[in-house]
């Protein structure tokens, strides 16, 4: 099992060792469900449901995590009001996206690429009994996850519930990005299409969407971020999206509305990020001892 990591206040001091982000499982790399690294005792006032237990399924942990409300999130945010920052994610950001290259005045938030909520609505399955009265019933899903016999469909959902809490699902963005994502139905493929079109334009570049009311809404902070990259290919490379959300020819991968595909994408991106994190960490350690 990965080394335990505690929640902390303030900026990161030191770096998480690489094995925080993965463990060996019968000789194969198994990426860490970051929810299992939470020091639950610190979350005073949180739900009594313990979503960190290794004996629980990933689906149970996801449901319990959602039921805990707004007491804790796995991301980190430089400008938003958060009770805690989460060291594994913040350390990873500061190594893979260093502050001298990505100004925190622009890149001030950490977001997940794939929303668990949106995927539960989007990915069509035979059993969607957890959707009640137009909402996801997380408590019902938690109970079902602990009682149901797993078949292929439930296994795919459980694998996805694990994948959304691994490092491959996290990315630093401007604060405005979350609003853009919401306007596009929490569809990261649609967001990537916006970015690719932005880089393809030679004049009057902007990021904007038409709202349901028929008015155009612009997101001026997002282009400031996009200009930090050397075109579309540079954006893809610097954000470790190649081989997962974007193919080797820099084309956006069309989502097929399955949990299996999303899990595979997140695992592939986790592998790329872990390899780069390890390389940069080793480089910084050599520099410190030289």
C-alpha atoms as a PDB file:
ATOM      1  CA  UNK A   1       0.000   0.000   0.000  1.00  0.00           C
ATOM      2  CA  UNK A   2       1.185   3.545  -0.652  1.00  0.00           C
ATOM      3  CA  UNK A   3       2.649   5.555   2.172  1.00  0.00           C
ATOM      4  CA  UNK A   4       0.080   7.458   4.251  1.00  0.00           C
ATOM      5  CA  UNK A   5      -0.269  11.141   3.467  1.00  0.00           C
ATOM      6  CA  UNK A   6      -1.871  13.725   5.701  1.00  0.00           C
ATOM      7  CA  UNK A   7      -3.972  16.721   4.826  1.00  0.00           C
ATOM      8  CA  UNK A   8      -2.269  19.995   5.551  1.00  0.00           C
ATOM      9  CA  UNK A   9      -2.860  23.729   5.483  1.00  0.00           C
ATOM     10  CA  UNK A  10      -0.757  26.108   3.428  1.00  0.00           C
ATOM     11  CA  UNK A  11       1.711  25.413   0.656  1.00  0.00           C
ATOM     12  CA  UNK A  12       3.488  22.141   0.051  1.00  0.00           C
ATOM     13  CA  UNK A  13       6.755  21.572   1.866  1.00  0.00           C
ATOM     14  CA  UNK A  14       8.823  18.804   0.389  1.00  0.00           C
ATOM     15  CA  UNK A  15       7.547  16.363  -2.198  1.00  0.00           C
ATOM     16  CA  UNK A  16       5.521  13.188  -2.092  1.00  0.00           C
ATOM     17  CA  UNK A  17       7.582  10.161  -3.001  1.00  0.00           C
ATOM     18  CA  UNK A  18       6.593   8.497  -6.243  1.00  0.00           C
ATOM     19  CA  UNK A  19       5.123   5.455  -4.515  1.00  0.00           C
ATOM     20  CA  UNK A  20       2.431   7.640  -2.984  1.00  0.00           C
ATOM     21  CA  UNK A  21       0.778   7.634  -6.394  1.00  0.00           C
ATOM     22  CA  UNK A  22       0.865   3.914  -7.120  1.00  0.00           C
ATOM     23  CA  UNK A  23       1.421   0.478  -5.668  1.00  0.00           C
ATOM     24  CA  UNK A  24       2.441  -2.865  -7.099  1.00  0.00           C
ATOM     25  CA  UNK A  25      -0.375  -5.374  -7.410  1.00  0.00           C
ATOM     26  CA  UNK A  26       0.896  -8.808  -8.495  1.00  0.00           C
ATOM     27  CA  UNK A  27       3.702  -7.133 -10.390  1.00  0.00           C
ATOM     28  CA  UNK A  28       1.395  -4.630 -12.086  1.00  0.00           C
ATOM     29  CA  UNK A  29       1.106  -0.924 -11.350  1.00  0.00           C
ATOM     30  CA  UNK A  30      -2.136  -0.043  -9.573  1.00  0.00           C
ATOM     31  CA  UNK A  31      -2.711   3.684  -9.296  1.00  0.00           C
ATOM     32  CA  UNK A  32      -3.651   4.966  -5.873  1.00  0.00           C
ATOM     33  CA  UNK A  33      -7.207   5.996  -5.160  1.00  0.00           C
ATOM     34  CA  UNK A  34      -6.282   9.329  -3.561  1.00  0.00           C
ATOM     35  CA  UNK A  35      -9.293   9.145  -1.252  1.00  0.00           C
ATOM     36  CA  UNK A  36      -7.517   6.362   0.664  1.00  0.00           C
ATOM     37  CA  UNK A  37      -4.705   8.792   1.570  1.00  0.00           C
ATOM     38  CA  UNK A  38      -6.912  11.177   3.499  1.00  0.00           C
ATOM     39  CA  UNK A  39      -6.262  11.455   7.214  1.00  0.00           C
ATOM     40  CA  UNK A  40      -9.924  11.122   8.014  1.00  0.00           C
ATOM     41  CA  UNK A  41      -9.530  12.111  11.678  1.00  0.00           C
ATOM     42  CA  UNK A  42      -8.632  15.659  10.610  1.00  0.00           C
ATOM     43  CA  UNK A  43     -11.958  16.163   8.890  1.00  0.00           C
ATOM     44  CA  UNK A  44     -13.780  17.342  11.987  1.00  0.00           C
ATOM     45  CA  UNK A  45     -17.496  17.776  11.442  1.00  0.00           C
ATOM     46  CA  UNK A  46     -17.480  15.568   8.349  1.00  0.00           C
ATOM     47  CA  UNK A  47     -19.902  12.721   7.757  1.00  0.00           C
ATOM     48  CA  UNK A  48     -19.193   9.607   9.817  1.00  0.00           C
ATOM     49  CA  UNK A  49     -18.978   7.656   6.575  1.00  0.00           C
ATOM     50  CA  UNK A  50     -15.361   6.678   6.076  1.00  0.00           C
ATOM     51  CA  UNK A  51     -14.581   6.774   2.386  1.00  0.00           C
ATOM     52  CA  UNK A  52     -10.882   6.005   2.893  1.00  0.00           C
ATOM     53  CA  UNK A  53     -11.136   2.328   3.808  1.00  0.00           C
ATOM     54  CA  UNK A  54      -9.146  -0.073   1.639  1.00  0.00           C
ATOM     55  CA  UNK A  55     -11.709  -2.790   2.394  1.00  0.00           C
ATOM     56  CA  UNK A  56     -14.445  -0.786   0.679  1.00  0.00           C
ATOM     57  CA  UNK A  57     -14.981  -0.932  -3.050  1.00  0.00           C
ATOM     58  CA  UNK A  58     -14.061   2.142  -5.082  1.00  0.00           C
ATOM     59  CA  UNK A  59     -17.746   2.641  -5.805  1.00  0.00           C
ATOM     60  CA  UNK A  60     -18.540   2.719  -2.088  1.00  0.00           C
ATOM     61  CA  UNK A  61     -15.693   5.188  -1.516  1.00  0.00           C
ATOM     62  CA  UNK A  62     -16.952   7.428  -4.308  1.00  0.00           C
ATOM     63  CA  UNK A  63     -20.481   7.427  -2.898  1.00  0.00           C
ATOM     64  CA  UNK A  64     -19.269   8.130   0.650  1.00  0.00           C
ATOM     65  CA  UNK A  65     -16.973  10.863  -0.624  1.00  0.00           C
ATOM     66  CA  UNK A  66     -19.919  12.555  -2.331  1.00  0.00           C
ATOM     67  CA  UNK A  67     -22.067  12.139   0.776  1.00  0.00           C
ATOM     68  CA  UNK A  68     -19.445  13.935   2.872  1.00  0.00           C
ATOM     69  CA  UNK A  69     -20.531  17.202   1.244  1.00  0.00           C
ATOM     70  CA  UNK A  70     -18.227  20.192   0.910  1.00  0.00           C
ATOM     71  CA  UNK A  71     -15.927  19.403   3.823  1.00  0.00           C
ATOM     72  CA  UNK A  72     -13.098  18.195   1.633  1.00  0.00           C
ATOM     73  CA  UNK A  73     -12.047  17.958  -1.995  1.00  0.00           C
ATOM     74  CA  UNK A  74      -9.112  16.151  -3.545  1.00  0.00           C
ATOM     75  CA  UNK A  75      -8.054  19.169  -5.572  1.00  0.00           C
ATOM     76  CA  UNK A  76      -6.086  22.225  -4.521  1.00  0.00           C
ATOM     77  CA  UNK A  77      -6.902  25.847  -5.236  1.00  0.00           C
ATOM     78  CA  UNK A  78      -4.586  28.833  -4.855  1.00  0.00           C
ATOM     79  CA  UNK A  79      -7.240  31.508  -4.716  1.00  0.00           C
ATOM     80  CA  UNK A  80     -10.460  29.801  -3.692  1.00  0.00           C
ATOM     81  CA  UNK A  81     -11.529  29.418  -0.099  1.00  0.00           C
ATOM     82  CA  UNK A  82     -10.807  25.818   0.808  1.00  0.00           C
ATOM     83  CA  UNK A  83     -10.530  24.350   4.254  1.00  0.00           C
ATOM     84  CA  UNK A  84      -7.600  22.203   3.169  1.00  0.00           C
ATOM     85  CA  UNK A  85      -5.214  21.748   0.311  1.00  0.00           C
ATOM     86  CA  UNK A  86      -4.312  18.174  -0.530  1.00  0.00           C
ATOM     87  CA  UNK A  87      -0.589  17.534  -0.611  1.00  0.00           C
ATOM     88  CA  UNK A  88      -0.414  14.738  -3.233  1.00  0.00           C
ATOM     89  CA  UNK A  89      -2.227  16.839  -5.816  1.00  0.00           C
ATOM     90  CA  UNK A  90      -0.482  20.094  -4.947  1.00  0.00           C
ATOM     91  CA  UNK A  91       2.987  18.512  -5.008  1.00  0.00           C
ATOM     92  CA  UNK A  92       2.219  16.887  -8.327  1.00  0.00           C
ATOM     93  CA  UNK A  93       1.097  20.228  -9.758  1.00  0.00           C
ATOM     94  CA  UNK A  94       4.161  22.075  -8.528  1.00  0.00           C
ATOM     95  CA  UNK A  95       6.461  19.488 -10.110  1.00  0.00           C
ATOM     96  CA  UNK A  96       4.646  18.912 -13.416  1.00  0.00           C
ATOM     97  CA  UNK A  97       3.435  22.501 -13.862  1.00  0.00           C
ATOM     98  CA  UNK A  98       6.074  24.645 -12.054  1.00  0.00           C
ATOM     99  CA  UNK A  99       5.149  28.150 -10.985  1.00  0.00           C
ATOM    100  CA  UNK A 100       7.938  29.779 -13.031  1.00  0.00           C
ATOM    101  CA  UNK A 101       6.298  28.443 -16.199  1.00  0.00           C
ATOM    102  CA  UNK A 102       2.630  28.640 -15.204  1.00  0.00           C
ATOM    103  CA  UNK A 103       1.789  31.810 -13.329  1.00  0.00           C
ATOM    104  CA  UNK A 104      -0.544  31.166 -10.403  1.00  0.00           C
ATOM    105  CA  UNK A 105      -2.207  34.469 -11.243  1.00  0.00           C
ATOM    106  CA  UNK A 106      -3.629  32.631 -14.236  1.00  0.00           C
ATOM    107  CA  UNK A 107      -3.516  28.959 -13.309  1.00  0.00           C
ATOM    108  CA  UNK A 108      -5.163  29.161  -9.914  1.00  0.00           C
ATOM    109  CA  UNK A 109      -7.354  26.100  -9.668  1.00  0.00           C
ATOM    110  CA  UNK A 110      -7.223  22.342  -9.874  1.00  0.00           C
ATOM    111  CA  UNK A 111     -10.005  20.551 -11.637  1.00  0.00           C
ATOM    112  CA  UNK A 112     -10.889  17.027 -12.635  1.00  0.00           C
ATOM    113  CA  UNK A 113     -11.095  16.318 -16.346  1.00  0.00           C
ATOM    114  CA  UNK A 114     -13.883  13.780 -15.929  1.00  0.00           C
ATOM    115  CA  UNK A 115     -16.770  14.474 -13.588  1.00  0.00           C
ATOM    116  CA  UNK A 116     -18.097  11.413 -11.803  1.00  0.00           C
ATOM    117  CA  UNK A 117     -21.558  12.977 -11.634  1.00  0.00           C
ATOM    118  CA  UNK A 118     -21.653  13.748 -15.348  1.00  0.00           C
ATOM    119  CA  UNK A 119     -20.391  10.279 -16.274  1.00  0.00           C
ATOM    120  CA  UNK A 120     -23.052   8.583 -14.162  1.00  0.00           C
ATOM    121  CA  UNK A 121     -25.647  10.466 -16.197  1.00  0.00           C
ATOM    122  CA  UNK A 122     -23.898  10.132 -19.538  1.00  0.00           C
ATOM    123  CA  UNK A 123     -22.717   6.519 -19.609  1.00  0.00           C
ATOM    124  CA  UNK A 124     -25.711   4.405 -20.441  1.00  0.00           C
ATOM    125  CA  UNK A 125     -26.134   1.220 -18.409  1.00  0.00           C
ATOM    126  CA  UNK A 126     -28.988  -1.184 -17.860  1.00  0.00           C
ATOM    127  CA  UNK A 127     -29.037  -0.453 -14.141  1.00  0.00           C
ATOM    128  CA  UNK A 128     -29.451   3.243 -13.368  1.00  0.00           C
ATOM    129  CA  UNK A 129     -31.608   2.776 -10.292  1.00  0.00           C
ATOM    130  CA  UNK A 130     -29.323   5.222  -8.475  1.00  0.00           C
ATOM    131  CA  UNK A 131     -30.922   8.080 -10.436  1.00  0.00           C
ATOM    132  CA  UNK A 132     -34.046   9.120  -8.559  1.00  0.00           C
ATOM    133  CA  UNK A 133     -36.222  12.183  -9.019  1.00  0.00           C
ATOM    134  CA  UNK A 134     -33.759  13.592 -11.494  1.00  0.00           C
ATOM    135  CA  UNK A 135     -30.798  13.326  -9.101  1.00  0.00           C
ATOM    136  CA  UNK A 136     -28.048  10.840  -8.310  1.00  0.00           C
ATOM    137  CA  UNK A 137     -28.948   9.082  -5.079  1.00  0.00           C
ATOM    138  CA  UNK A 138     -25.466   8.543  -3.640  1.00  0.00           C
ATOM    139  CA  UNK A 139     -26.725   6.785  -0.526  1.00  0.00           C
ATOM    140  CA  UNK A 140     -28.645   4.291  -2.626  1.00  0.00           C
ATOM    141  CA  UNK A 141     -25.575   3.757  -4.793  1.00  0.00           C
ATOM    142  CA  UNK A 142     -23.410   3.207  -1.693  1.00  0.00           C
ATOM    143  CA  UNK A 143     -25.799   0.555  -0.368  1.00  0.00           C
ATOM    144  CA  UNK A 144     -26.089  -1.130  -3.749  1.00  0.00           C
ATOM    145  CA  UNK A 145     -22.309  -1.169  -4.133  1.00  0.00           C
ATOM    146  CA  UNK A 146     -21.919  -3.024  -0.856  1.00  0.00           C
ATOM    147  CA  UNK A 147     -24.700  -5.522  -1.500  1.00  0.00           C
ATOM    148  CA  UNK A 148     -24.824  -6.270  -5.209  1.00  0.00           C
ATOM    149  CA  UNK A 149     -23.044  -9.185  -6.816  1.00  0.00           C
ATOM    150  CA  UNK A 150     -20.651  -7.707  -9.314  1.00  0.00           C
ATOM    151  CA  UNK A 151     -21.198  -8.378 -12.992  1.00  0.00           C
ATOM    152  CA  UNK A 152     -19.342  -6.848 -15.938  1.00  0.00           C
ATOM    153  CA  UNK A 153     -21.449  -3.698 -15.815  1.00  0.00           C
ATOM    154  CA  UNK A 154     -20.907  -3.101 -12.107  1.00  0.00           C
ATOM    155  CA  UNK A 155     -17.212  -3.931 -12.457  1.00  0.00           C
ATOM    156  CA  UNK A 156     -16.855  -1.249 -15.152  1.00  0.00           C
ATOM    157  CA  UNK A 157     -18.575   1.264 -12.881  1.00  0.00           C
ATOM    158  CA  UNK A 158     -16.366   0.281  -9.946  1.00  0.00           C
ATOM    159  CA  UNK A 159     -13.214   0.623 -12.090  1.00  0.00           C
ATOM    160  CA  UNK A 160     -14.381   4.065 -13.162  1.00  0.00           C
ATOM    161  CA  UNK A 161     -15.093   5.058  -9.544  1.00  0.00           C
ATOM    162  CA  UNK A 162     -11.453   4.218  -8.822  1.00  0.00           C
ATOM    163  CA  UNK A 163     -10.069   5.981 -11.895  1.00  0.00           C
ATOM    164  CA  UNK A 164     -11.686   9.362 -11.171  1.00  0.00           C
ATOM    165  CA  UNK A 165      -9.650   9.615  -7.948  1.00  0.00           C
ATOM    166  CA  UNK A 166      -6.262   8.848  -9.542  1.00  0.00           C
ATOM    167  CA  UNK A 167      -3.714  11.418 -10.689  1.00  0.00           C
ATOM    168  CA  UNK A 168      -4.699  11.106 -14.339  1.00  0.00           C
ATOM    169  CA  UNK A 169      -7.941  12.950 -13.655  1.00  0.00           C
ATOM    170  CA  UNK A 170      -6.377  16.177 -12.359  1.00  0.00           C
ATOM    171  CA  UNK A 171      -5.230  19.265 -14.246  1.00  0.00           C
ATOM    172  CA  UNK A 172      -4.406  22.881 -13.294  1.00  0.00           C
ATOM    173  CA  UNK A 173      -6.614  25.463 -15.011  1.00  0.00           C
ATOM    174  CA  UNK A 174      -7.815  29.072 -14.655  1.00  0.00           C
ATOM    175  CA  UNK A 175     -10.712  29.536 -12.283  1.00  0.00           C
ATOM    176  CA  UNK A 176     -12.964  30.423 -15.225  1.00  0.00           C
ATOM    177  CA  UNK A 177     -12.430  26.969 -16.676  1.00  0.00           C
ATOM    178  CA  UNK A 178     -14.962  25.345 -14.360  1.00  0.00           C
ATOM    179  CA  UNK A 179     -17.682  27.698 -15.605  1.00  0.00           C
ATOM    180  CA  UNK A 180     -16.751  26.884 -19.193  1.00  0.00           C
ATOM    181  CA  UNK A 181     -16.885  23.177 -18.443  1.00  0.00           C
ATOM    182  CA  UNK A 182     -20.306  23.574 -16.838  1.00  0.00           C
ATOM    183  CA  UNK A 183     -21.613  25.491 -19.842  1.00  0.00           C
ATOM    184  CA  UNK A 184     -20.497  22.595 -22.056  1.00  0.00           C
ATOM    185  CA  UNK A 185     -22.308  19.959 -20.027  1.00  0.00           C
ATOM    186  CA  UNK A 186     -19.219  18.737 -18.120  1.00  0.00           C
ATOM    187  CA  UNK A 187     -17.970  17.318 -21.427  1.00  0.00           C
ATOM    188  CA  UNK A 188     -14.200  17.534 -21.603  1.00  0.00           C
ATOM    189  CA  UNK A 189     -14.206  16.473 -25.249  1.00  0.00           C
ATOM    190  CA  UNK A 190     -16.260  19.580 -26.030  1.00  0.00           C
ATOM    191  CA  UNK A 191     -13.841  21.740 -24.044  1.00  0.00           C
ATOM    192  CA  UNK A 192     -10.869  20.306 -25.938  1.00  0.00           C
ATOM    193  CA  UNK A 193     -12.659  21.001 -29.214  1.00  0.00           C
ATOM    194  CA  UNK A 194     -13.022  24.647 -28.162  1.00  0.00           C
ATOM    195  CA  UNK A 195      -9.306  24.842 -27.418  1.00  0.00           C
ATOM    196  CA  UNK A 196      -8.286  23.196 -30.678  1.00  0.00           C
ATOM    197  CA  UNK A 197     -10.483  25.601 -32.645  1.00  0.00           C
ATOM    198  CA  UNK A 198      -8.976  28.508 -30.713  1.00  0.00           C
ATOM    199  CA  UNK A 199      -5.456  27.552 -31.778  1.00  0.00           C
ATOM    200  CA  UNK A 200      -6.617  27.052 -35.388  1.00  0.00           C
ATOM    201  CA  UNK A 201      -7.891  30.647 -35.608  1.00  0.00           C
ATOM    202  CA  UNK A 202      -5.518  33.258 -36.992  1.00  0.00           C
ATOM    203  CA  UNK A 203      -7.484  36.314 -35.851  1.00  0.00           C
ATOM    204  CA  UNK A 204     -10.213  37.369 -33.418  1.00  0.00           C
ATOM    205  CA  UNK A 205      -9.413  34.506 -31.091  1.00  0.00           C
ATOM    206  CA  UNK A 206     -11.722  33.969 -28.147  1.00  0.00           C
ATOM    207  CA  UNK A 207     -13.276  31.261 -26.030  1.00  0.00           C
ATOM    208  CA  UNK A 208     -17.033  31.644 -25.908  1.00  0.00           C
ATOM    209  CA  UNK A 209     -20.231  29.603 -25.796  1.00  0.00           C
ATOM    210  CA  UNK A 210     -23.854  30.311 -26.497  1.00  0.00           C
ATOM    211  CA  UNK A 211     -25.948  30.107 -23.350  1.00  0.00           C
ATOM    212  CA  UNK A 212     -29.399  28.552 -23.219  1.00  0.00           C
ATOM    213  CA  UNK A 213     -30.811  32.057 -23.329  1.00  0.00           C
ATOM    214  CA  UNK A 214     -29.194  32.605 -26.721  1.00  0.00           C
ATOM    215  CA  UNK A 215     -26.526  35.071 -25.577  1.00  0.00           C
ATOM    216  CA  UNK A 216     -22.812  34.681 -26.082  1.00  0.00           C
ATOM    217  CA  UNK A 217     -20.727  34.235 -22.967  1.00  0.00           C
ATOM    218  CA  UNK A 218     -16.976  34.864 -23.217  1.00  0.00           C
ATOM    219  CA  UNK A 219     -14.237  33.512 -20.975  1.00  0.00           C
ATOM    220  CA  UNK A 220     -11.350  36.027 -21.240  1.00  0.00           C
ATOM    221  CA  UNK A 221      -9.108  34.358 -18.647  1.00  0.00           C
ATOM    222  CA  UNK A 222      -8.943  31.066 -20.563  1.00  0.00           C
ATOM    223  CA  UNK A 223      -7.127  32.512 -23.634  1.00  0.00           C
ATOM    224  CA  UNK A 224      -4.491  34.045 -21.331  1.00  0.00           C
ATOM    225  CA  UNK A 225      -3.786  30.504 -20.170  1.00  0.00           C
ATOM    226  CA  UNK A 226      -3.883  28.971 -23.641  1.00  0.00           C
ATOM    227  CA  UNK A 227      -1.340  31.517 -24.911  1.00  0.00           C
ATOM    228  CA  UNK A 228       1.207  30.015 -22.516  1.00  0.00           C
ATOM    229  CA  UNK A 229       1.437  26.950 -24.767  1.00  0.00           C
ATOM    230  CA  UNK A 230       2.994  26.548 -28.193  1.00  0.00           C
ATOM    231  CA  UNK A 231      -0.198  25.893 -30.113  1.00  0.00           C
ATOM    232  CA  UNK A 232      -2.529  22.912 -29.860  1.00  0.00           C
ATOM    233  CA  UNK A 233       0.246  20.302 -29.941  1.00  0.00           C
ATOM    234  CA  UNK A 234       2.102  22.124 -27.188  1.00  0.00           C
ATOM    235  CA  UNK A 235      -1.036  22.316 -25.065  1.00  0.00           C
ATOM    236  CA  UNK A 236      -1.590  18.574 -25.449  1.00  0.00           C
ATOM    237  CA  UNK A 237       2.023  17.689 -24.640  1.00  0.00           C
ATOM    238  CA  UNK A 238       2.409  20.011 -21.661  1.00  0.00           C
ATOM    239  CA  UNK A 239      -0.821  18.761 -20.106  1.00  0.00           C
ATOM    240  CA  UNK A 240      -0.029  15.065 -20.660  1.00  0.00           C
ATOM    241  CA  UNK A 241      -3.128  14.446 -22.777  1.00  0.00           C
ATOM    242  CA  UNK A 242      -1.500  12.492 -25.597  1.00  0.00           C
ATOM    243  CA  UNK A 243      -2.282   8.791 -25.618  1.00  0.00           C
ATOM    244  CA  UNK A 244      -5.411   9.252 -23.545  1.00  0.00           C
ATOM    245  CA  UNK A 245      -7.823  12.072 -24.332  1.00  0.00           C
ATOM    246  CA  UNK A 246      -5.924  12.882 -27.535  1.00  0.00           C
ATOM    247  CA  UNK A 247      -4.469  10.296 -29.895  1.00  0.00           C
ATOM    248  CA  UNK A 248      -0.938  10.123 -31.299  1.00  0.00           C
ATOM    249  CA  UNK A 249      -2.017  12.241 -34.261  1.00  0.00           C
ATOM    250  CA  UNK A 250      -3.238  15.004 -31.893  1.00  0.00           C
ATOM    251  CA  UNK A 251      -6.877  14.280 -32.692  1.00  0.00           C
ATOM    252  CA  UNK A 252      -9.417  14.418 -29.862  1.00  0.00           C
ATOM    253  CA  UNK A 253     -10.639  10.945 -28.977  1.00  0.00           C
ATOM    254  CA  UNK A 254     -14.389  10.637 -29.409  1.00  0.00           C
ATOM    255  CA  UNK A 255     -16.031   9.411 -26.224  1.00  0.00           C
ATOM    256  CA  UNK A 256     -18.100   6.258 -26.635  1.00  0.00           C
ATOM    257  CA  UNK A 257     -20.232   6.817 -23.528  1.00  0.00           C
ATOM    258  CA  UNK A 258     -18.780   3.893 -21.593  1.00  0.00           C
ATOM    259  CA  UNK A 259     -17.191   3.764 -18.161  1.00  0.00           C
ATOM    260  CA  UNK A 260     -14.561   1.404 -19.566  1.00  0.00           C
ATOM    261  CA  UNK A 261     -13.238   3.966 -22.046  1.00  0.00           C
ATOM    262  CA  UNK A 262     -13.070   6.744 -19.453  1.00  0.00           C
ATOM    263  CA  UNK A 263     -11.219   4.478 -17.013  1.00  0.00           C
ATOM    264  CA  UNK A 264      -8.726   3.505 -19.695  1.00  0.00           C
ATOM    265  CA  UNK A 265      -8.108   7.142 -20.634  1.00  0.00           C
ATOM    266  CA  UNK A 266      -7.459   8.131 -17.030  1.00  0.00           C
ATOM    267  CA  UNK A 267      -5.122   5.186 -16.473  1.00  0.00           C
ATOM    268  CA  UNK A 268      -3.128   5.967 -19.623  1.00  0.00           C
ATOM    269  CA  UNK A 269      -2.743   9.614 -18.596  1.00  0.00           C
ATOM    270  CA  UNK A 270      -1.761   8.556 -15.058  1.00  0.00           C
ATOM    271  CA  UNK A 271       1.101   6.491 -16.515  1.00  0.00           C
ATOM    272  CA  UNK A 272       2.439   9.441 -18.502  1.00  0.00           C
ATOM    273  CA  UNK A 273       2.171  11.799 -15.525  1.00  0.00           C
ATOM    274  CA  UNK A 274       3.775   9.341 -13.109  1.00  0.00           C
ATOM    275  CA  UNK A 275       6.735   8.762 -15.427  1.00  0.00           C
ATOM    276  CA  UNK A 276       7.327  12.504 -15.822  1.00  0.00           C
ATOM    277  CA  UNK A 277       6.849  13.167 -12.100  1.00  0.00           C
ATOM    278  CA  UNK A 278       9.453  10.526 -11.245  1.00  0.00           C
ATOM    279  CA  UNK A 279      11.914  11.922 -13.787  1.00  0.00           C
ATOM    280  CA  UNK A 280      11.571  15.494 -12.564  1.00  0.00           C
ATOM    281  CA  UNK A 281      11.723  14.490  -8.919  1.00  0.00           C
ATOM    282  CA  UNK A 282      14.942  12.570  -9.509  1.00  0.00           C
ATOM    283  CA  UNK A 283      16.354  15.539 -11.398  1.00  0.00           C
ATOM    284  CA  UNK A 284      15.595  17.972  -8.584  1.00  0.00           C
ATOM    285  CA  UNK A 285      17.107  15.619  -6.010  1.00  0.00           C
ATOM    286  CA  UNK A 286      20.320  15.287  -8.030  1.00  0.00           C
ATOM    287  CA  UNK A 287      20.524  19.068  -8.316  1.00  0.00           C
ATOM    288  CA  UNK A 288      20.073  19.452  -4.563  1.00  0.00           C
ATOM    289  CA  UNK A 289      22.935  17.060  -3.788  1.00  0.00           C
ATOM    290  CA  UNK A 290      25.326  18.301  -6.501  1.00  0.00           C
END
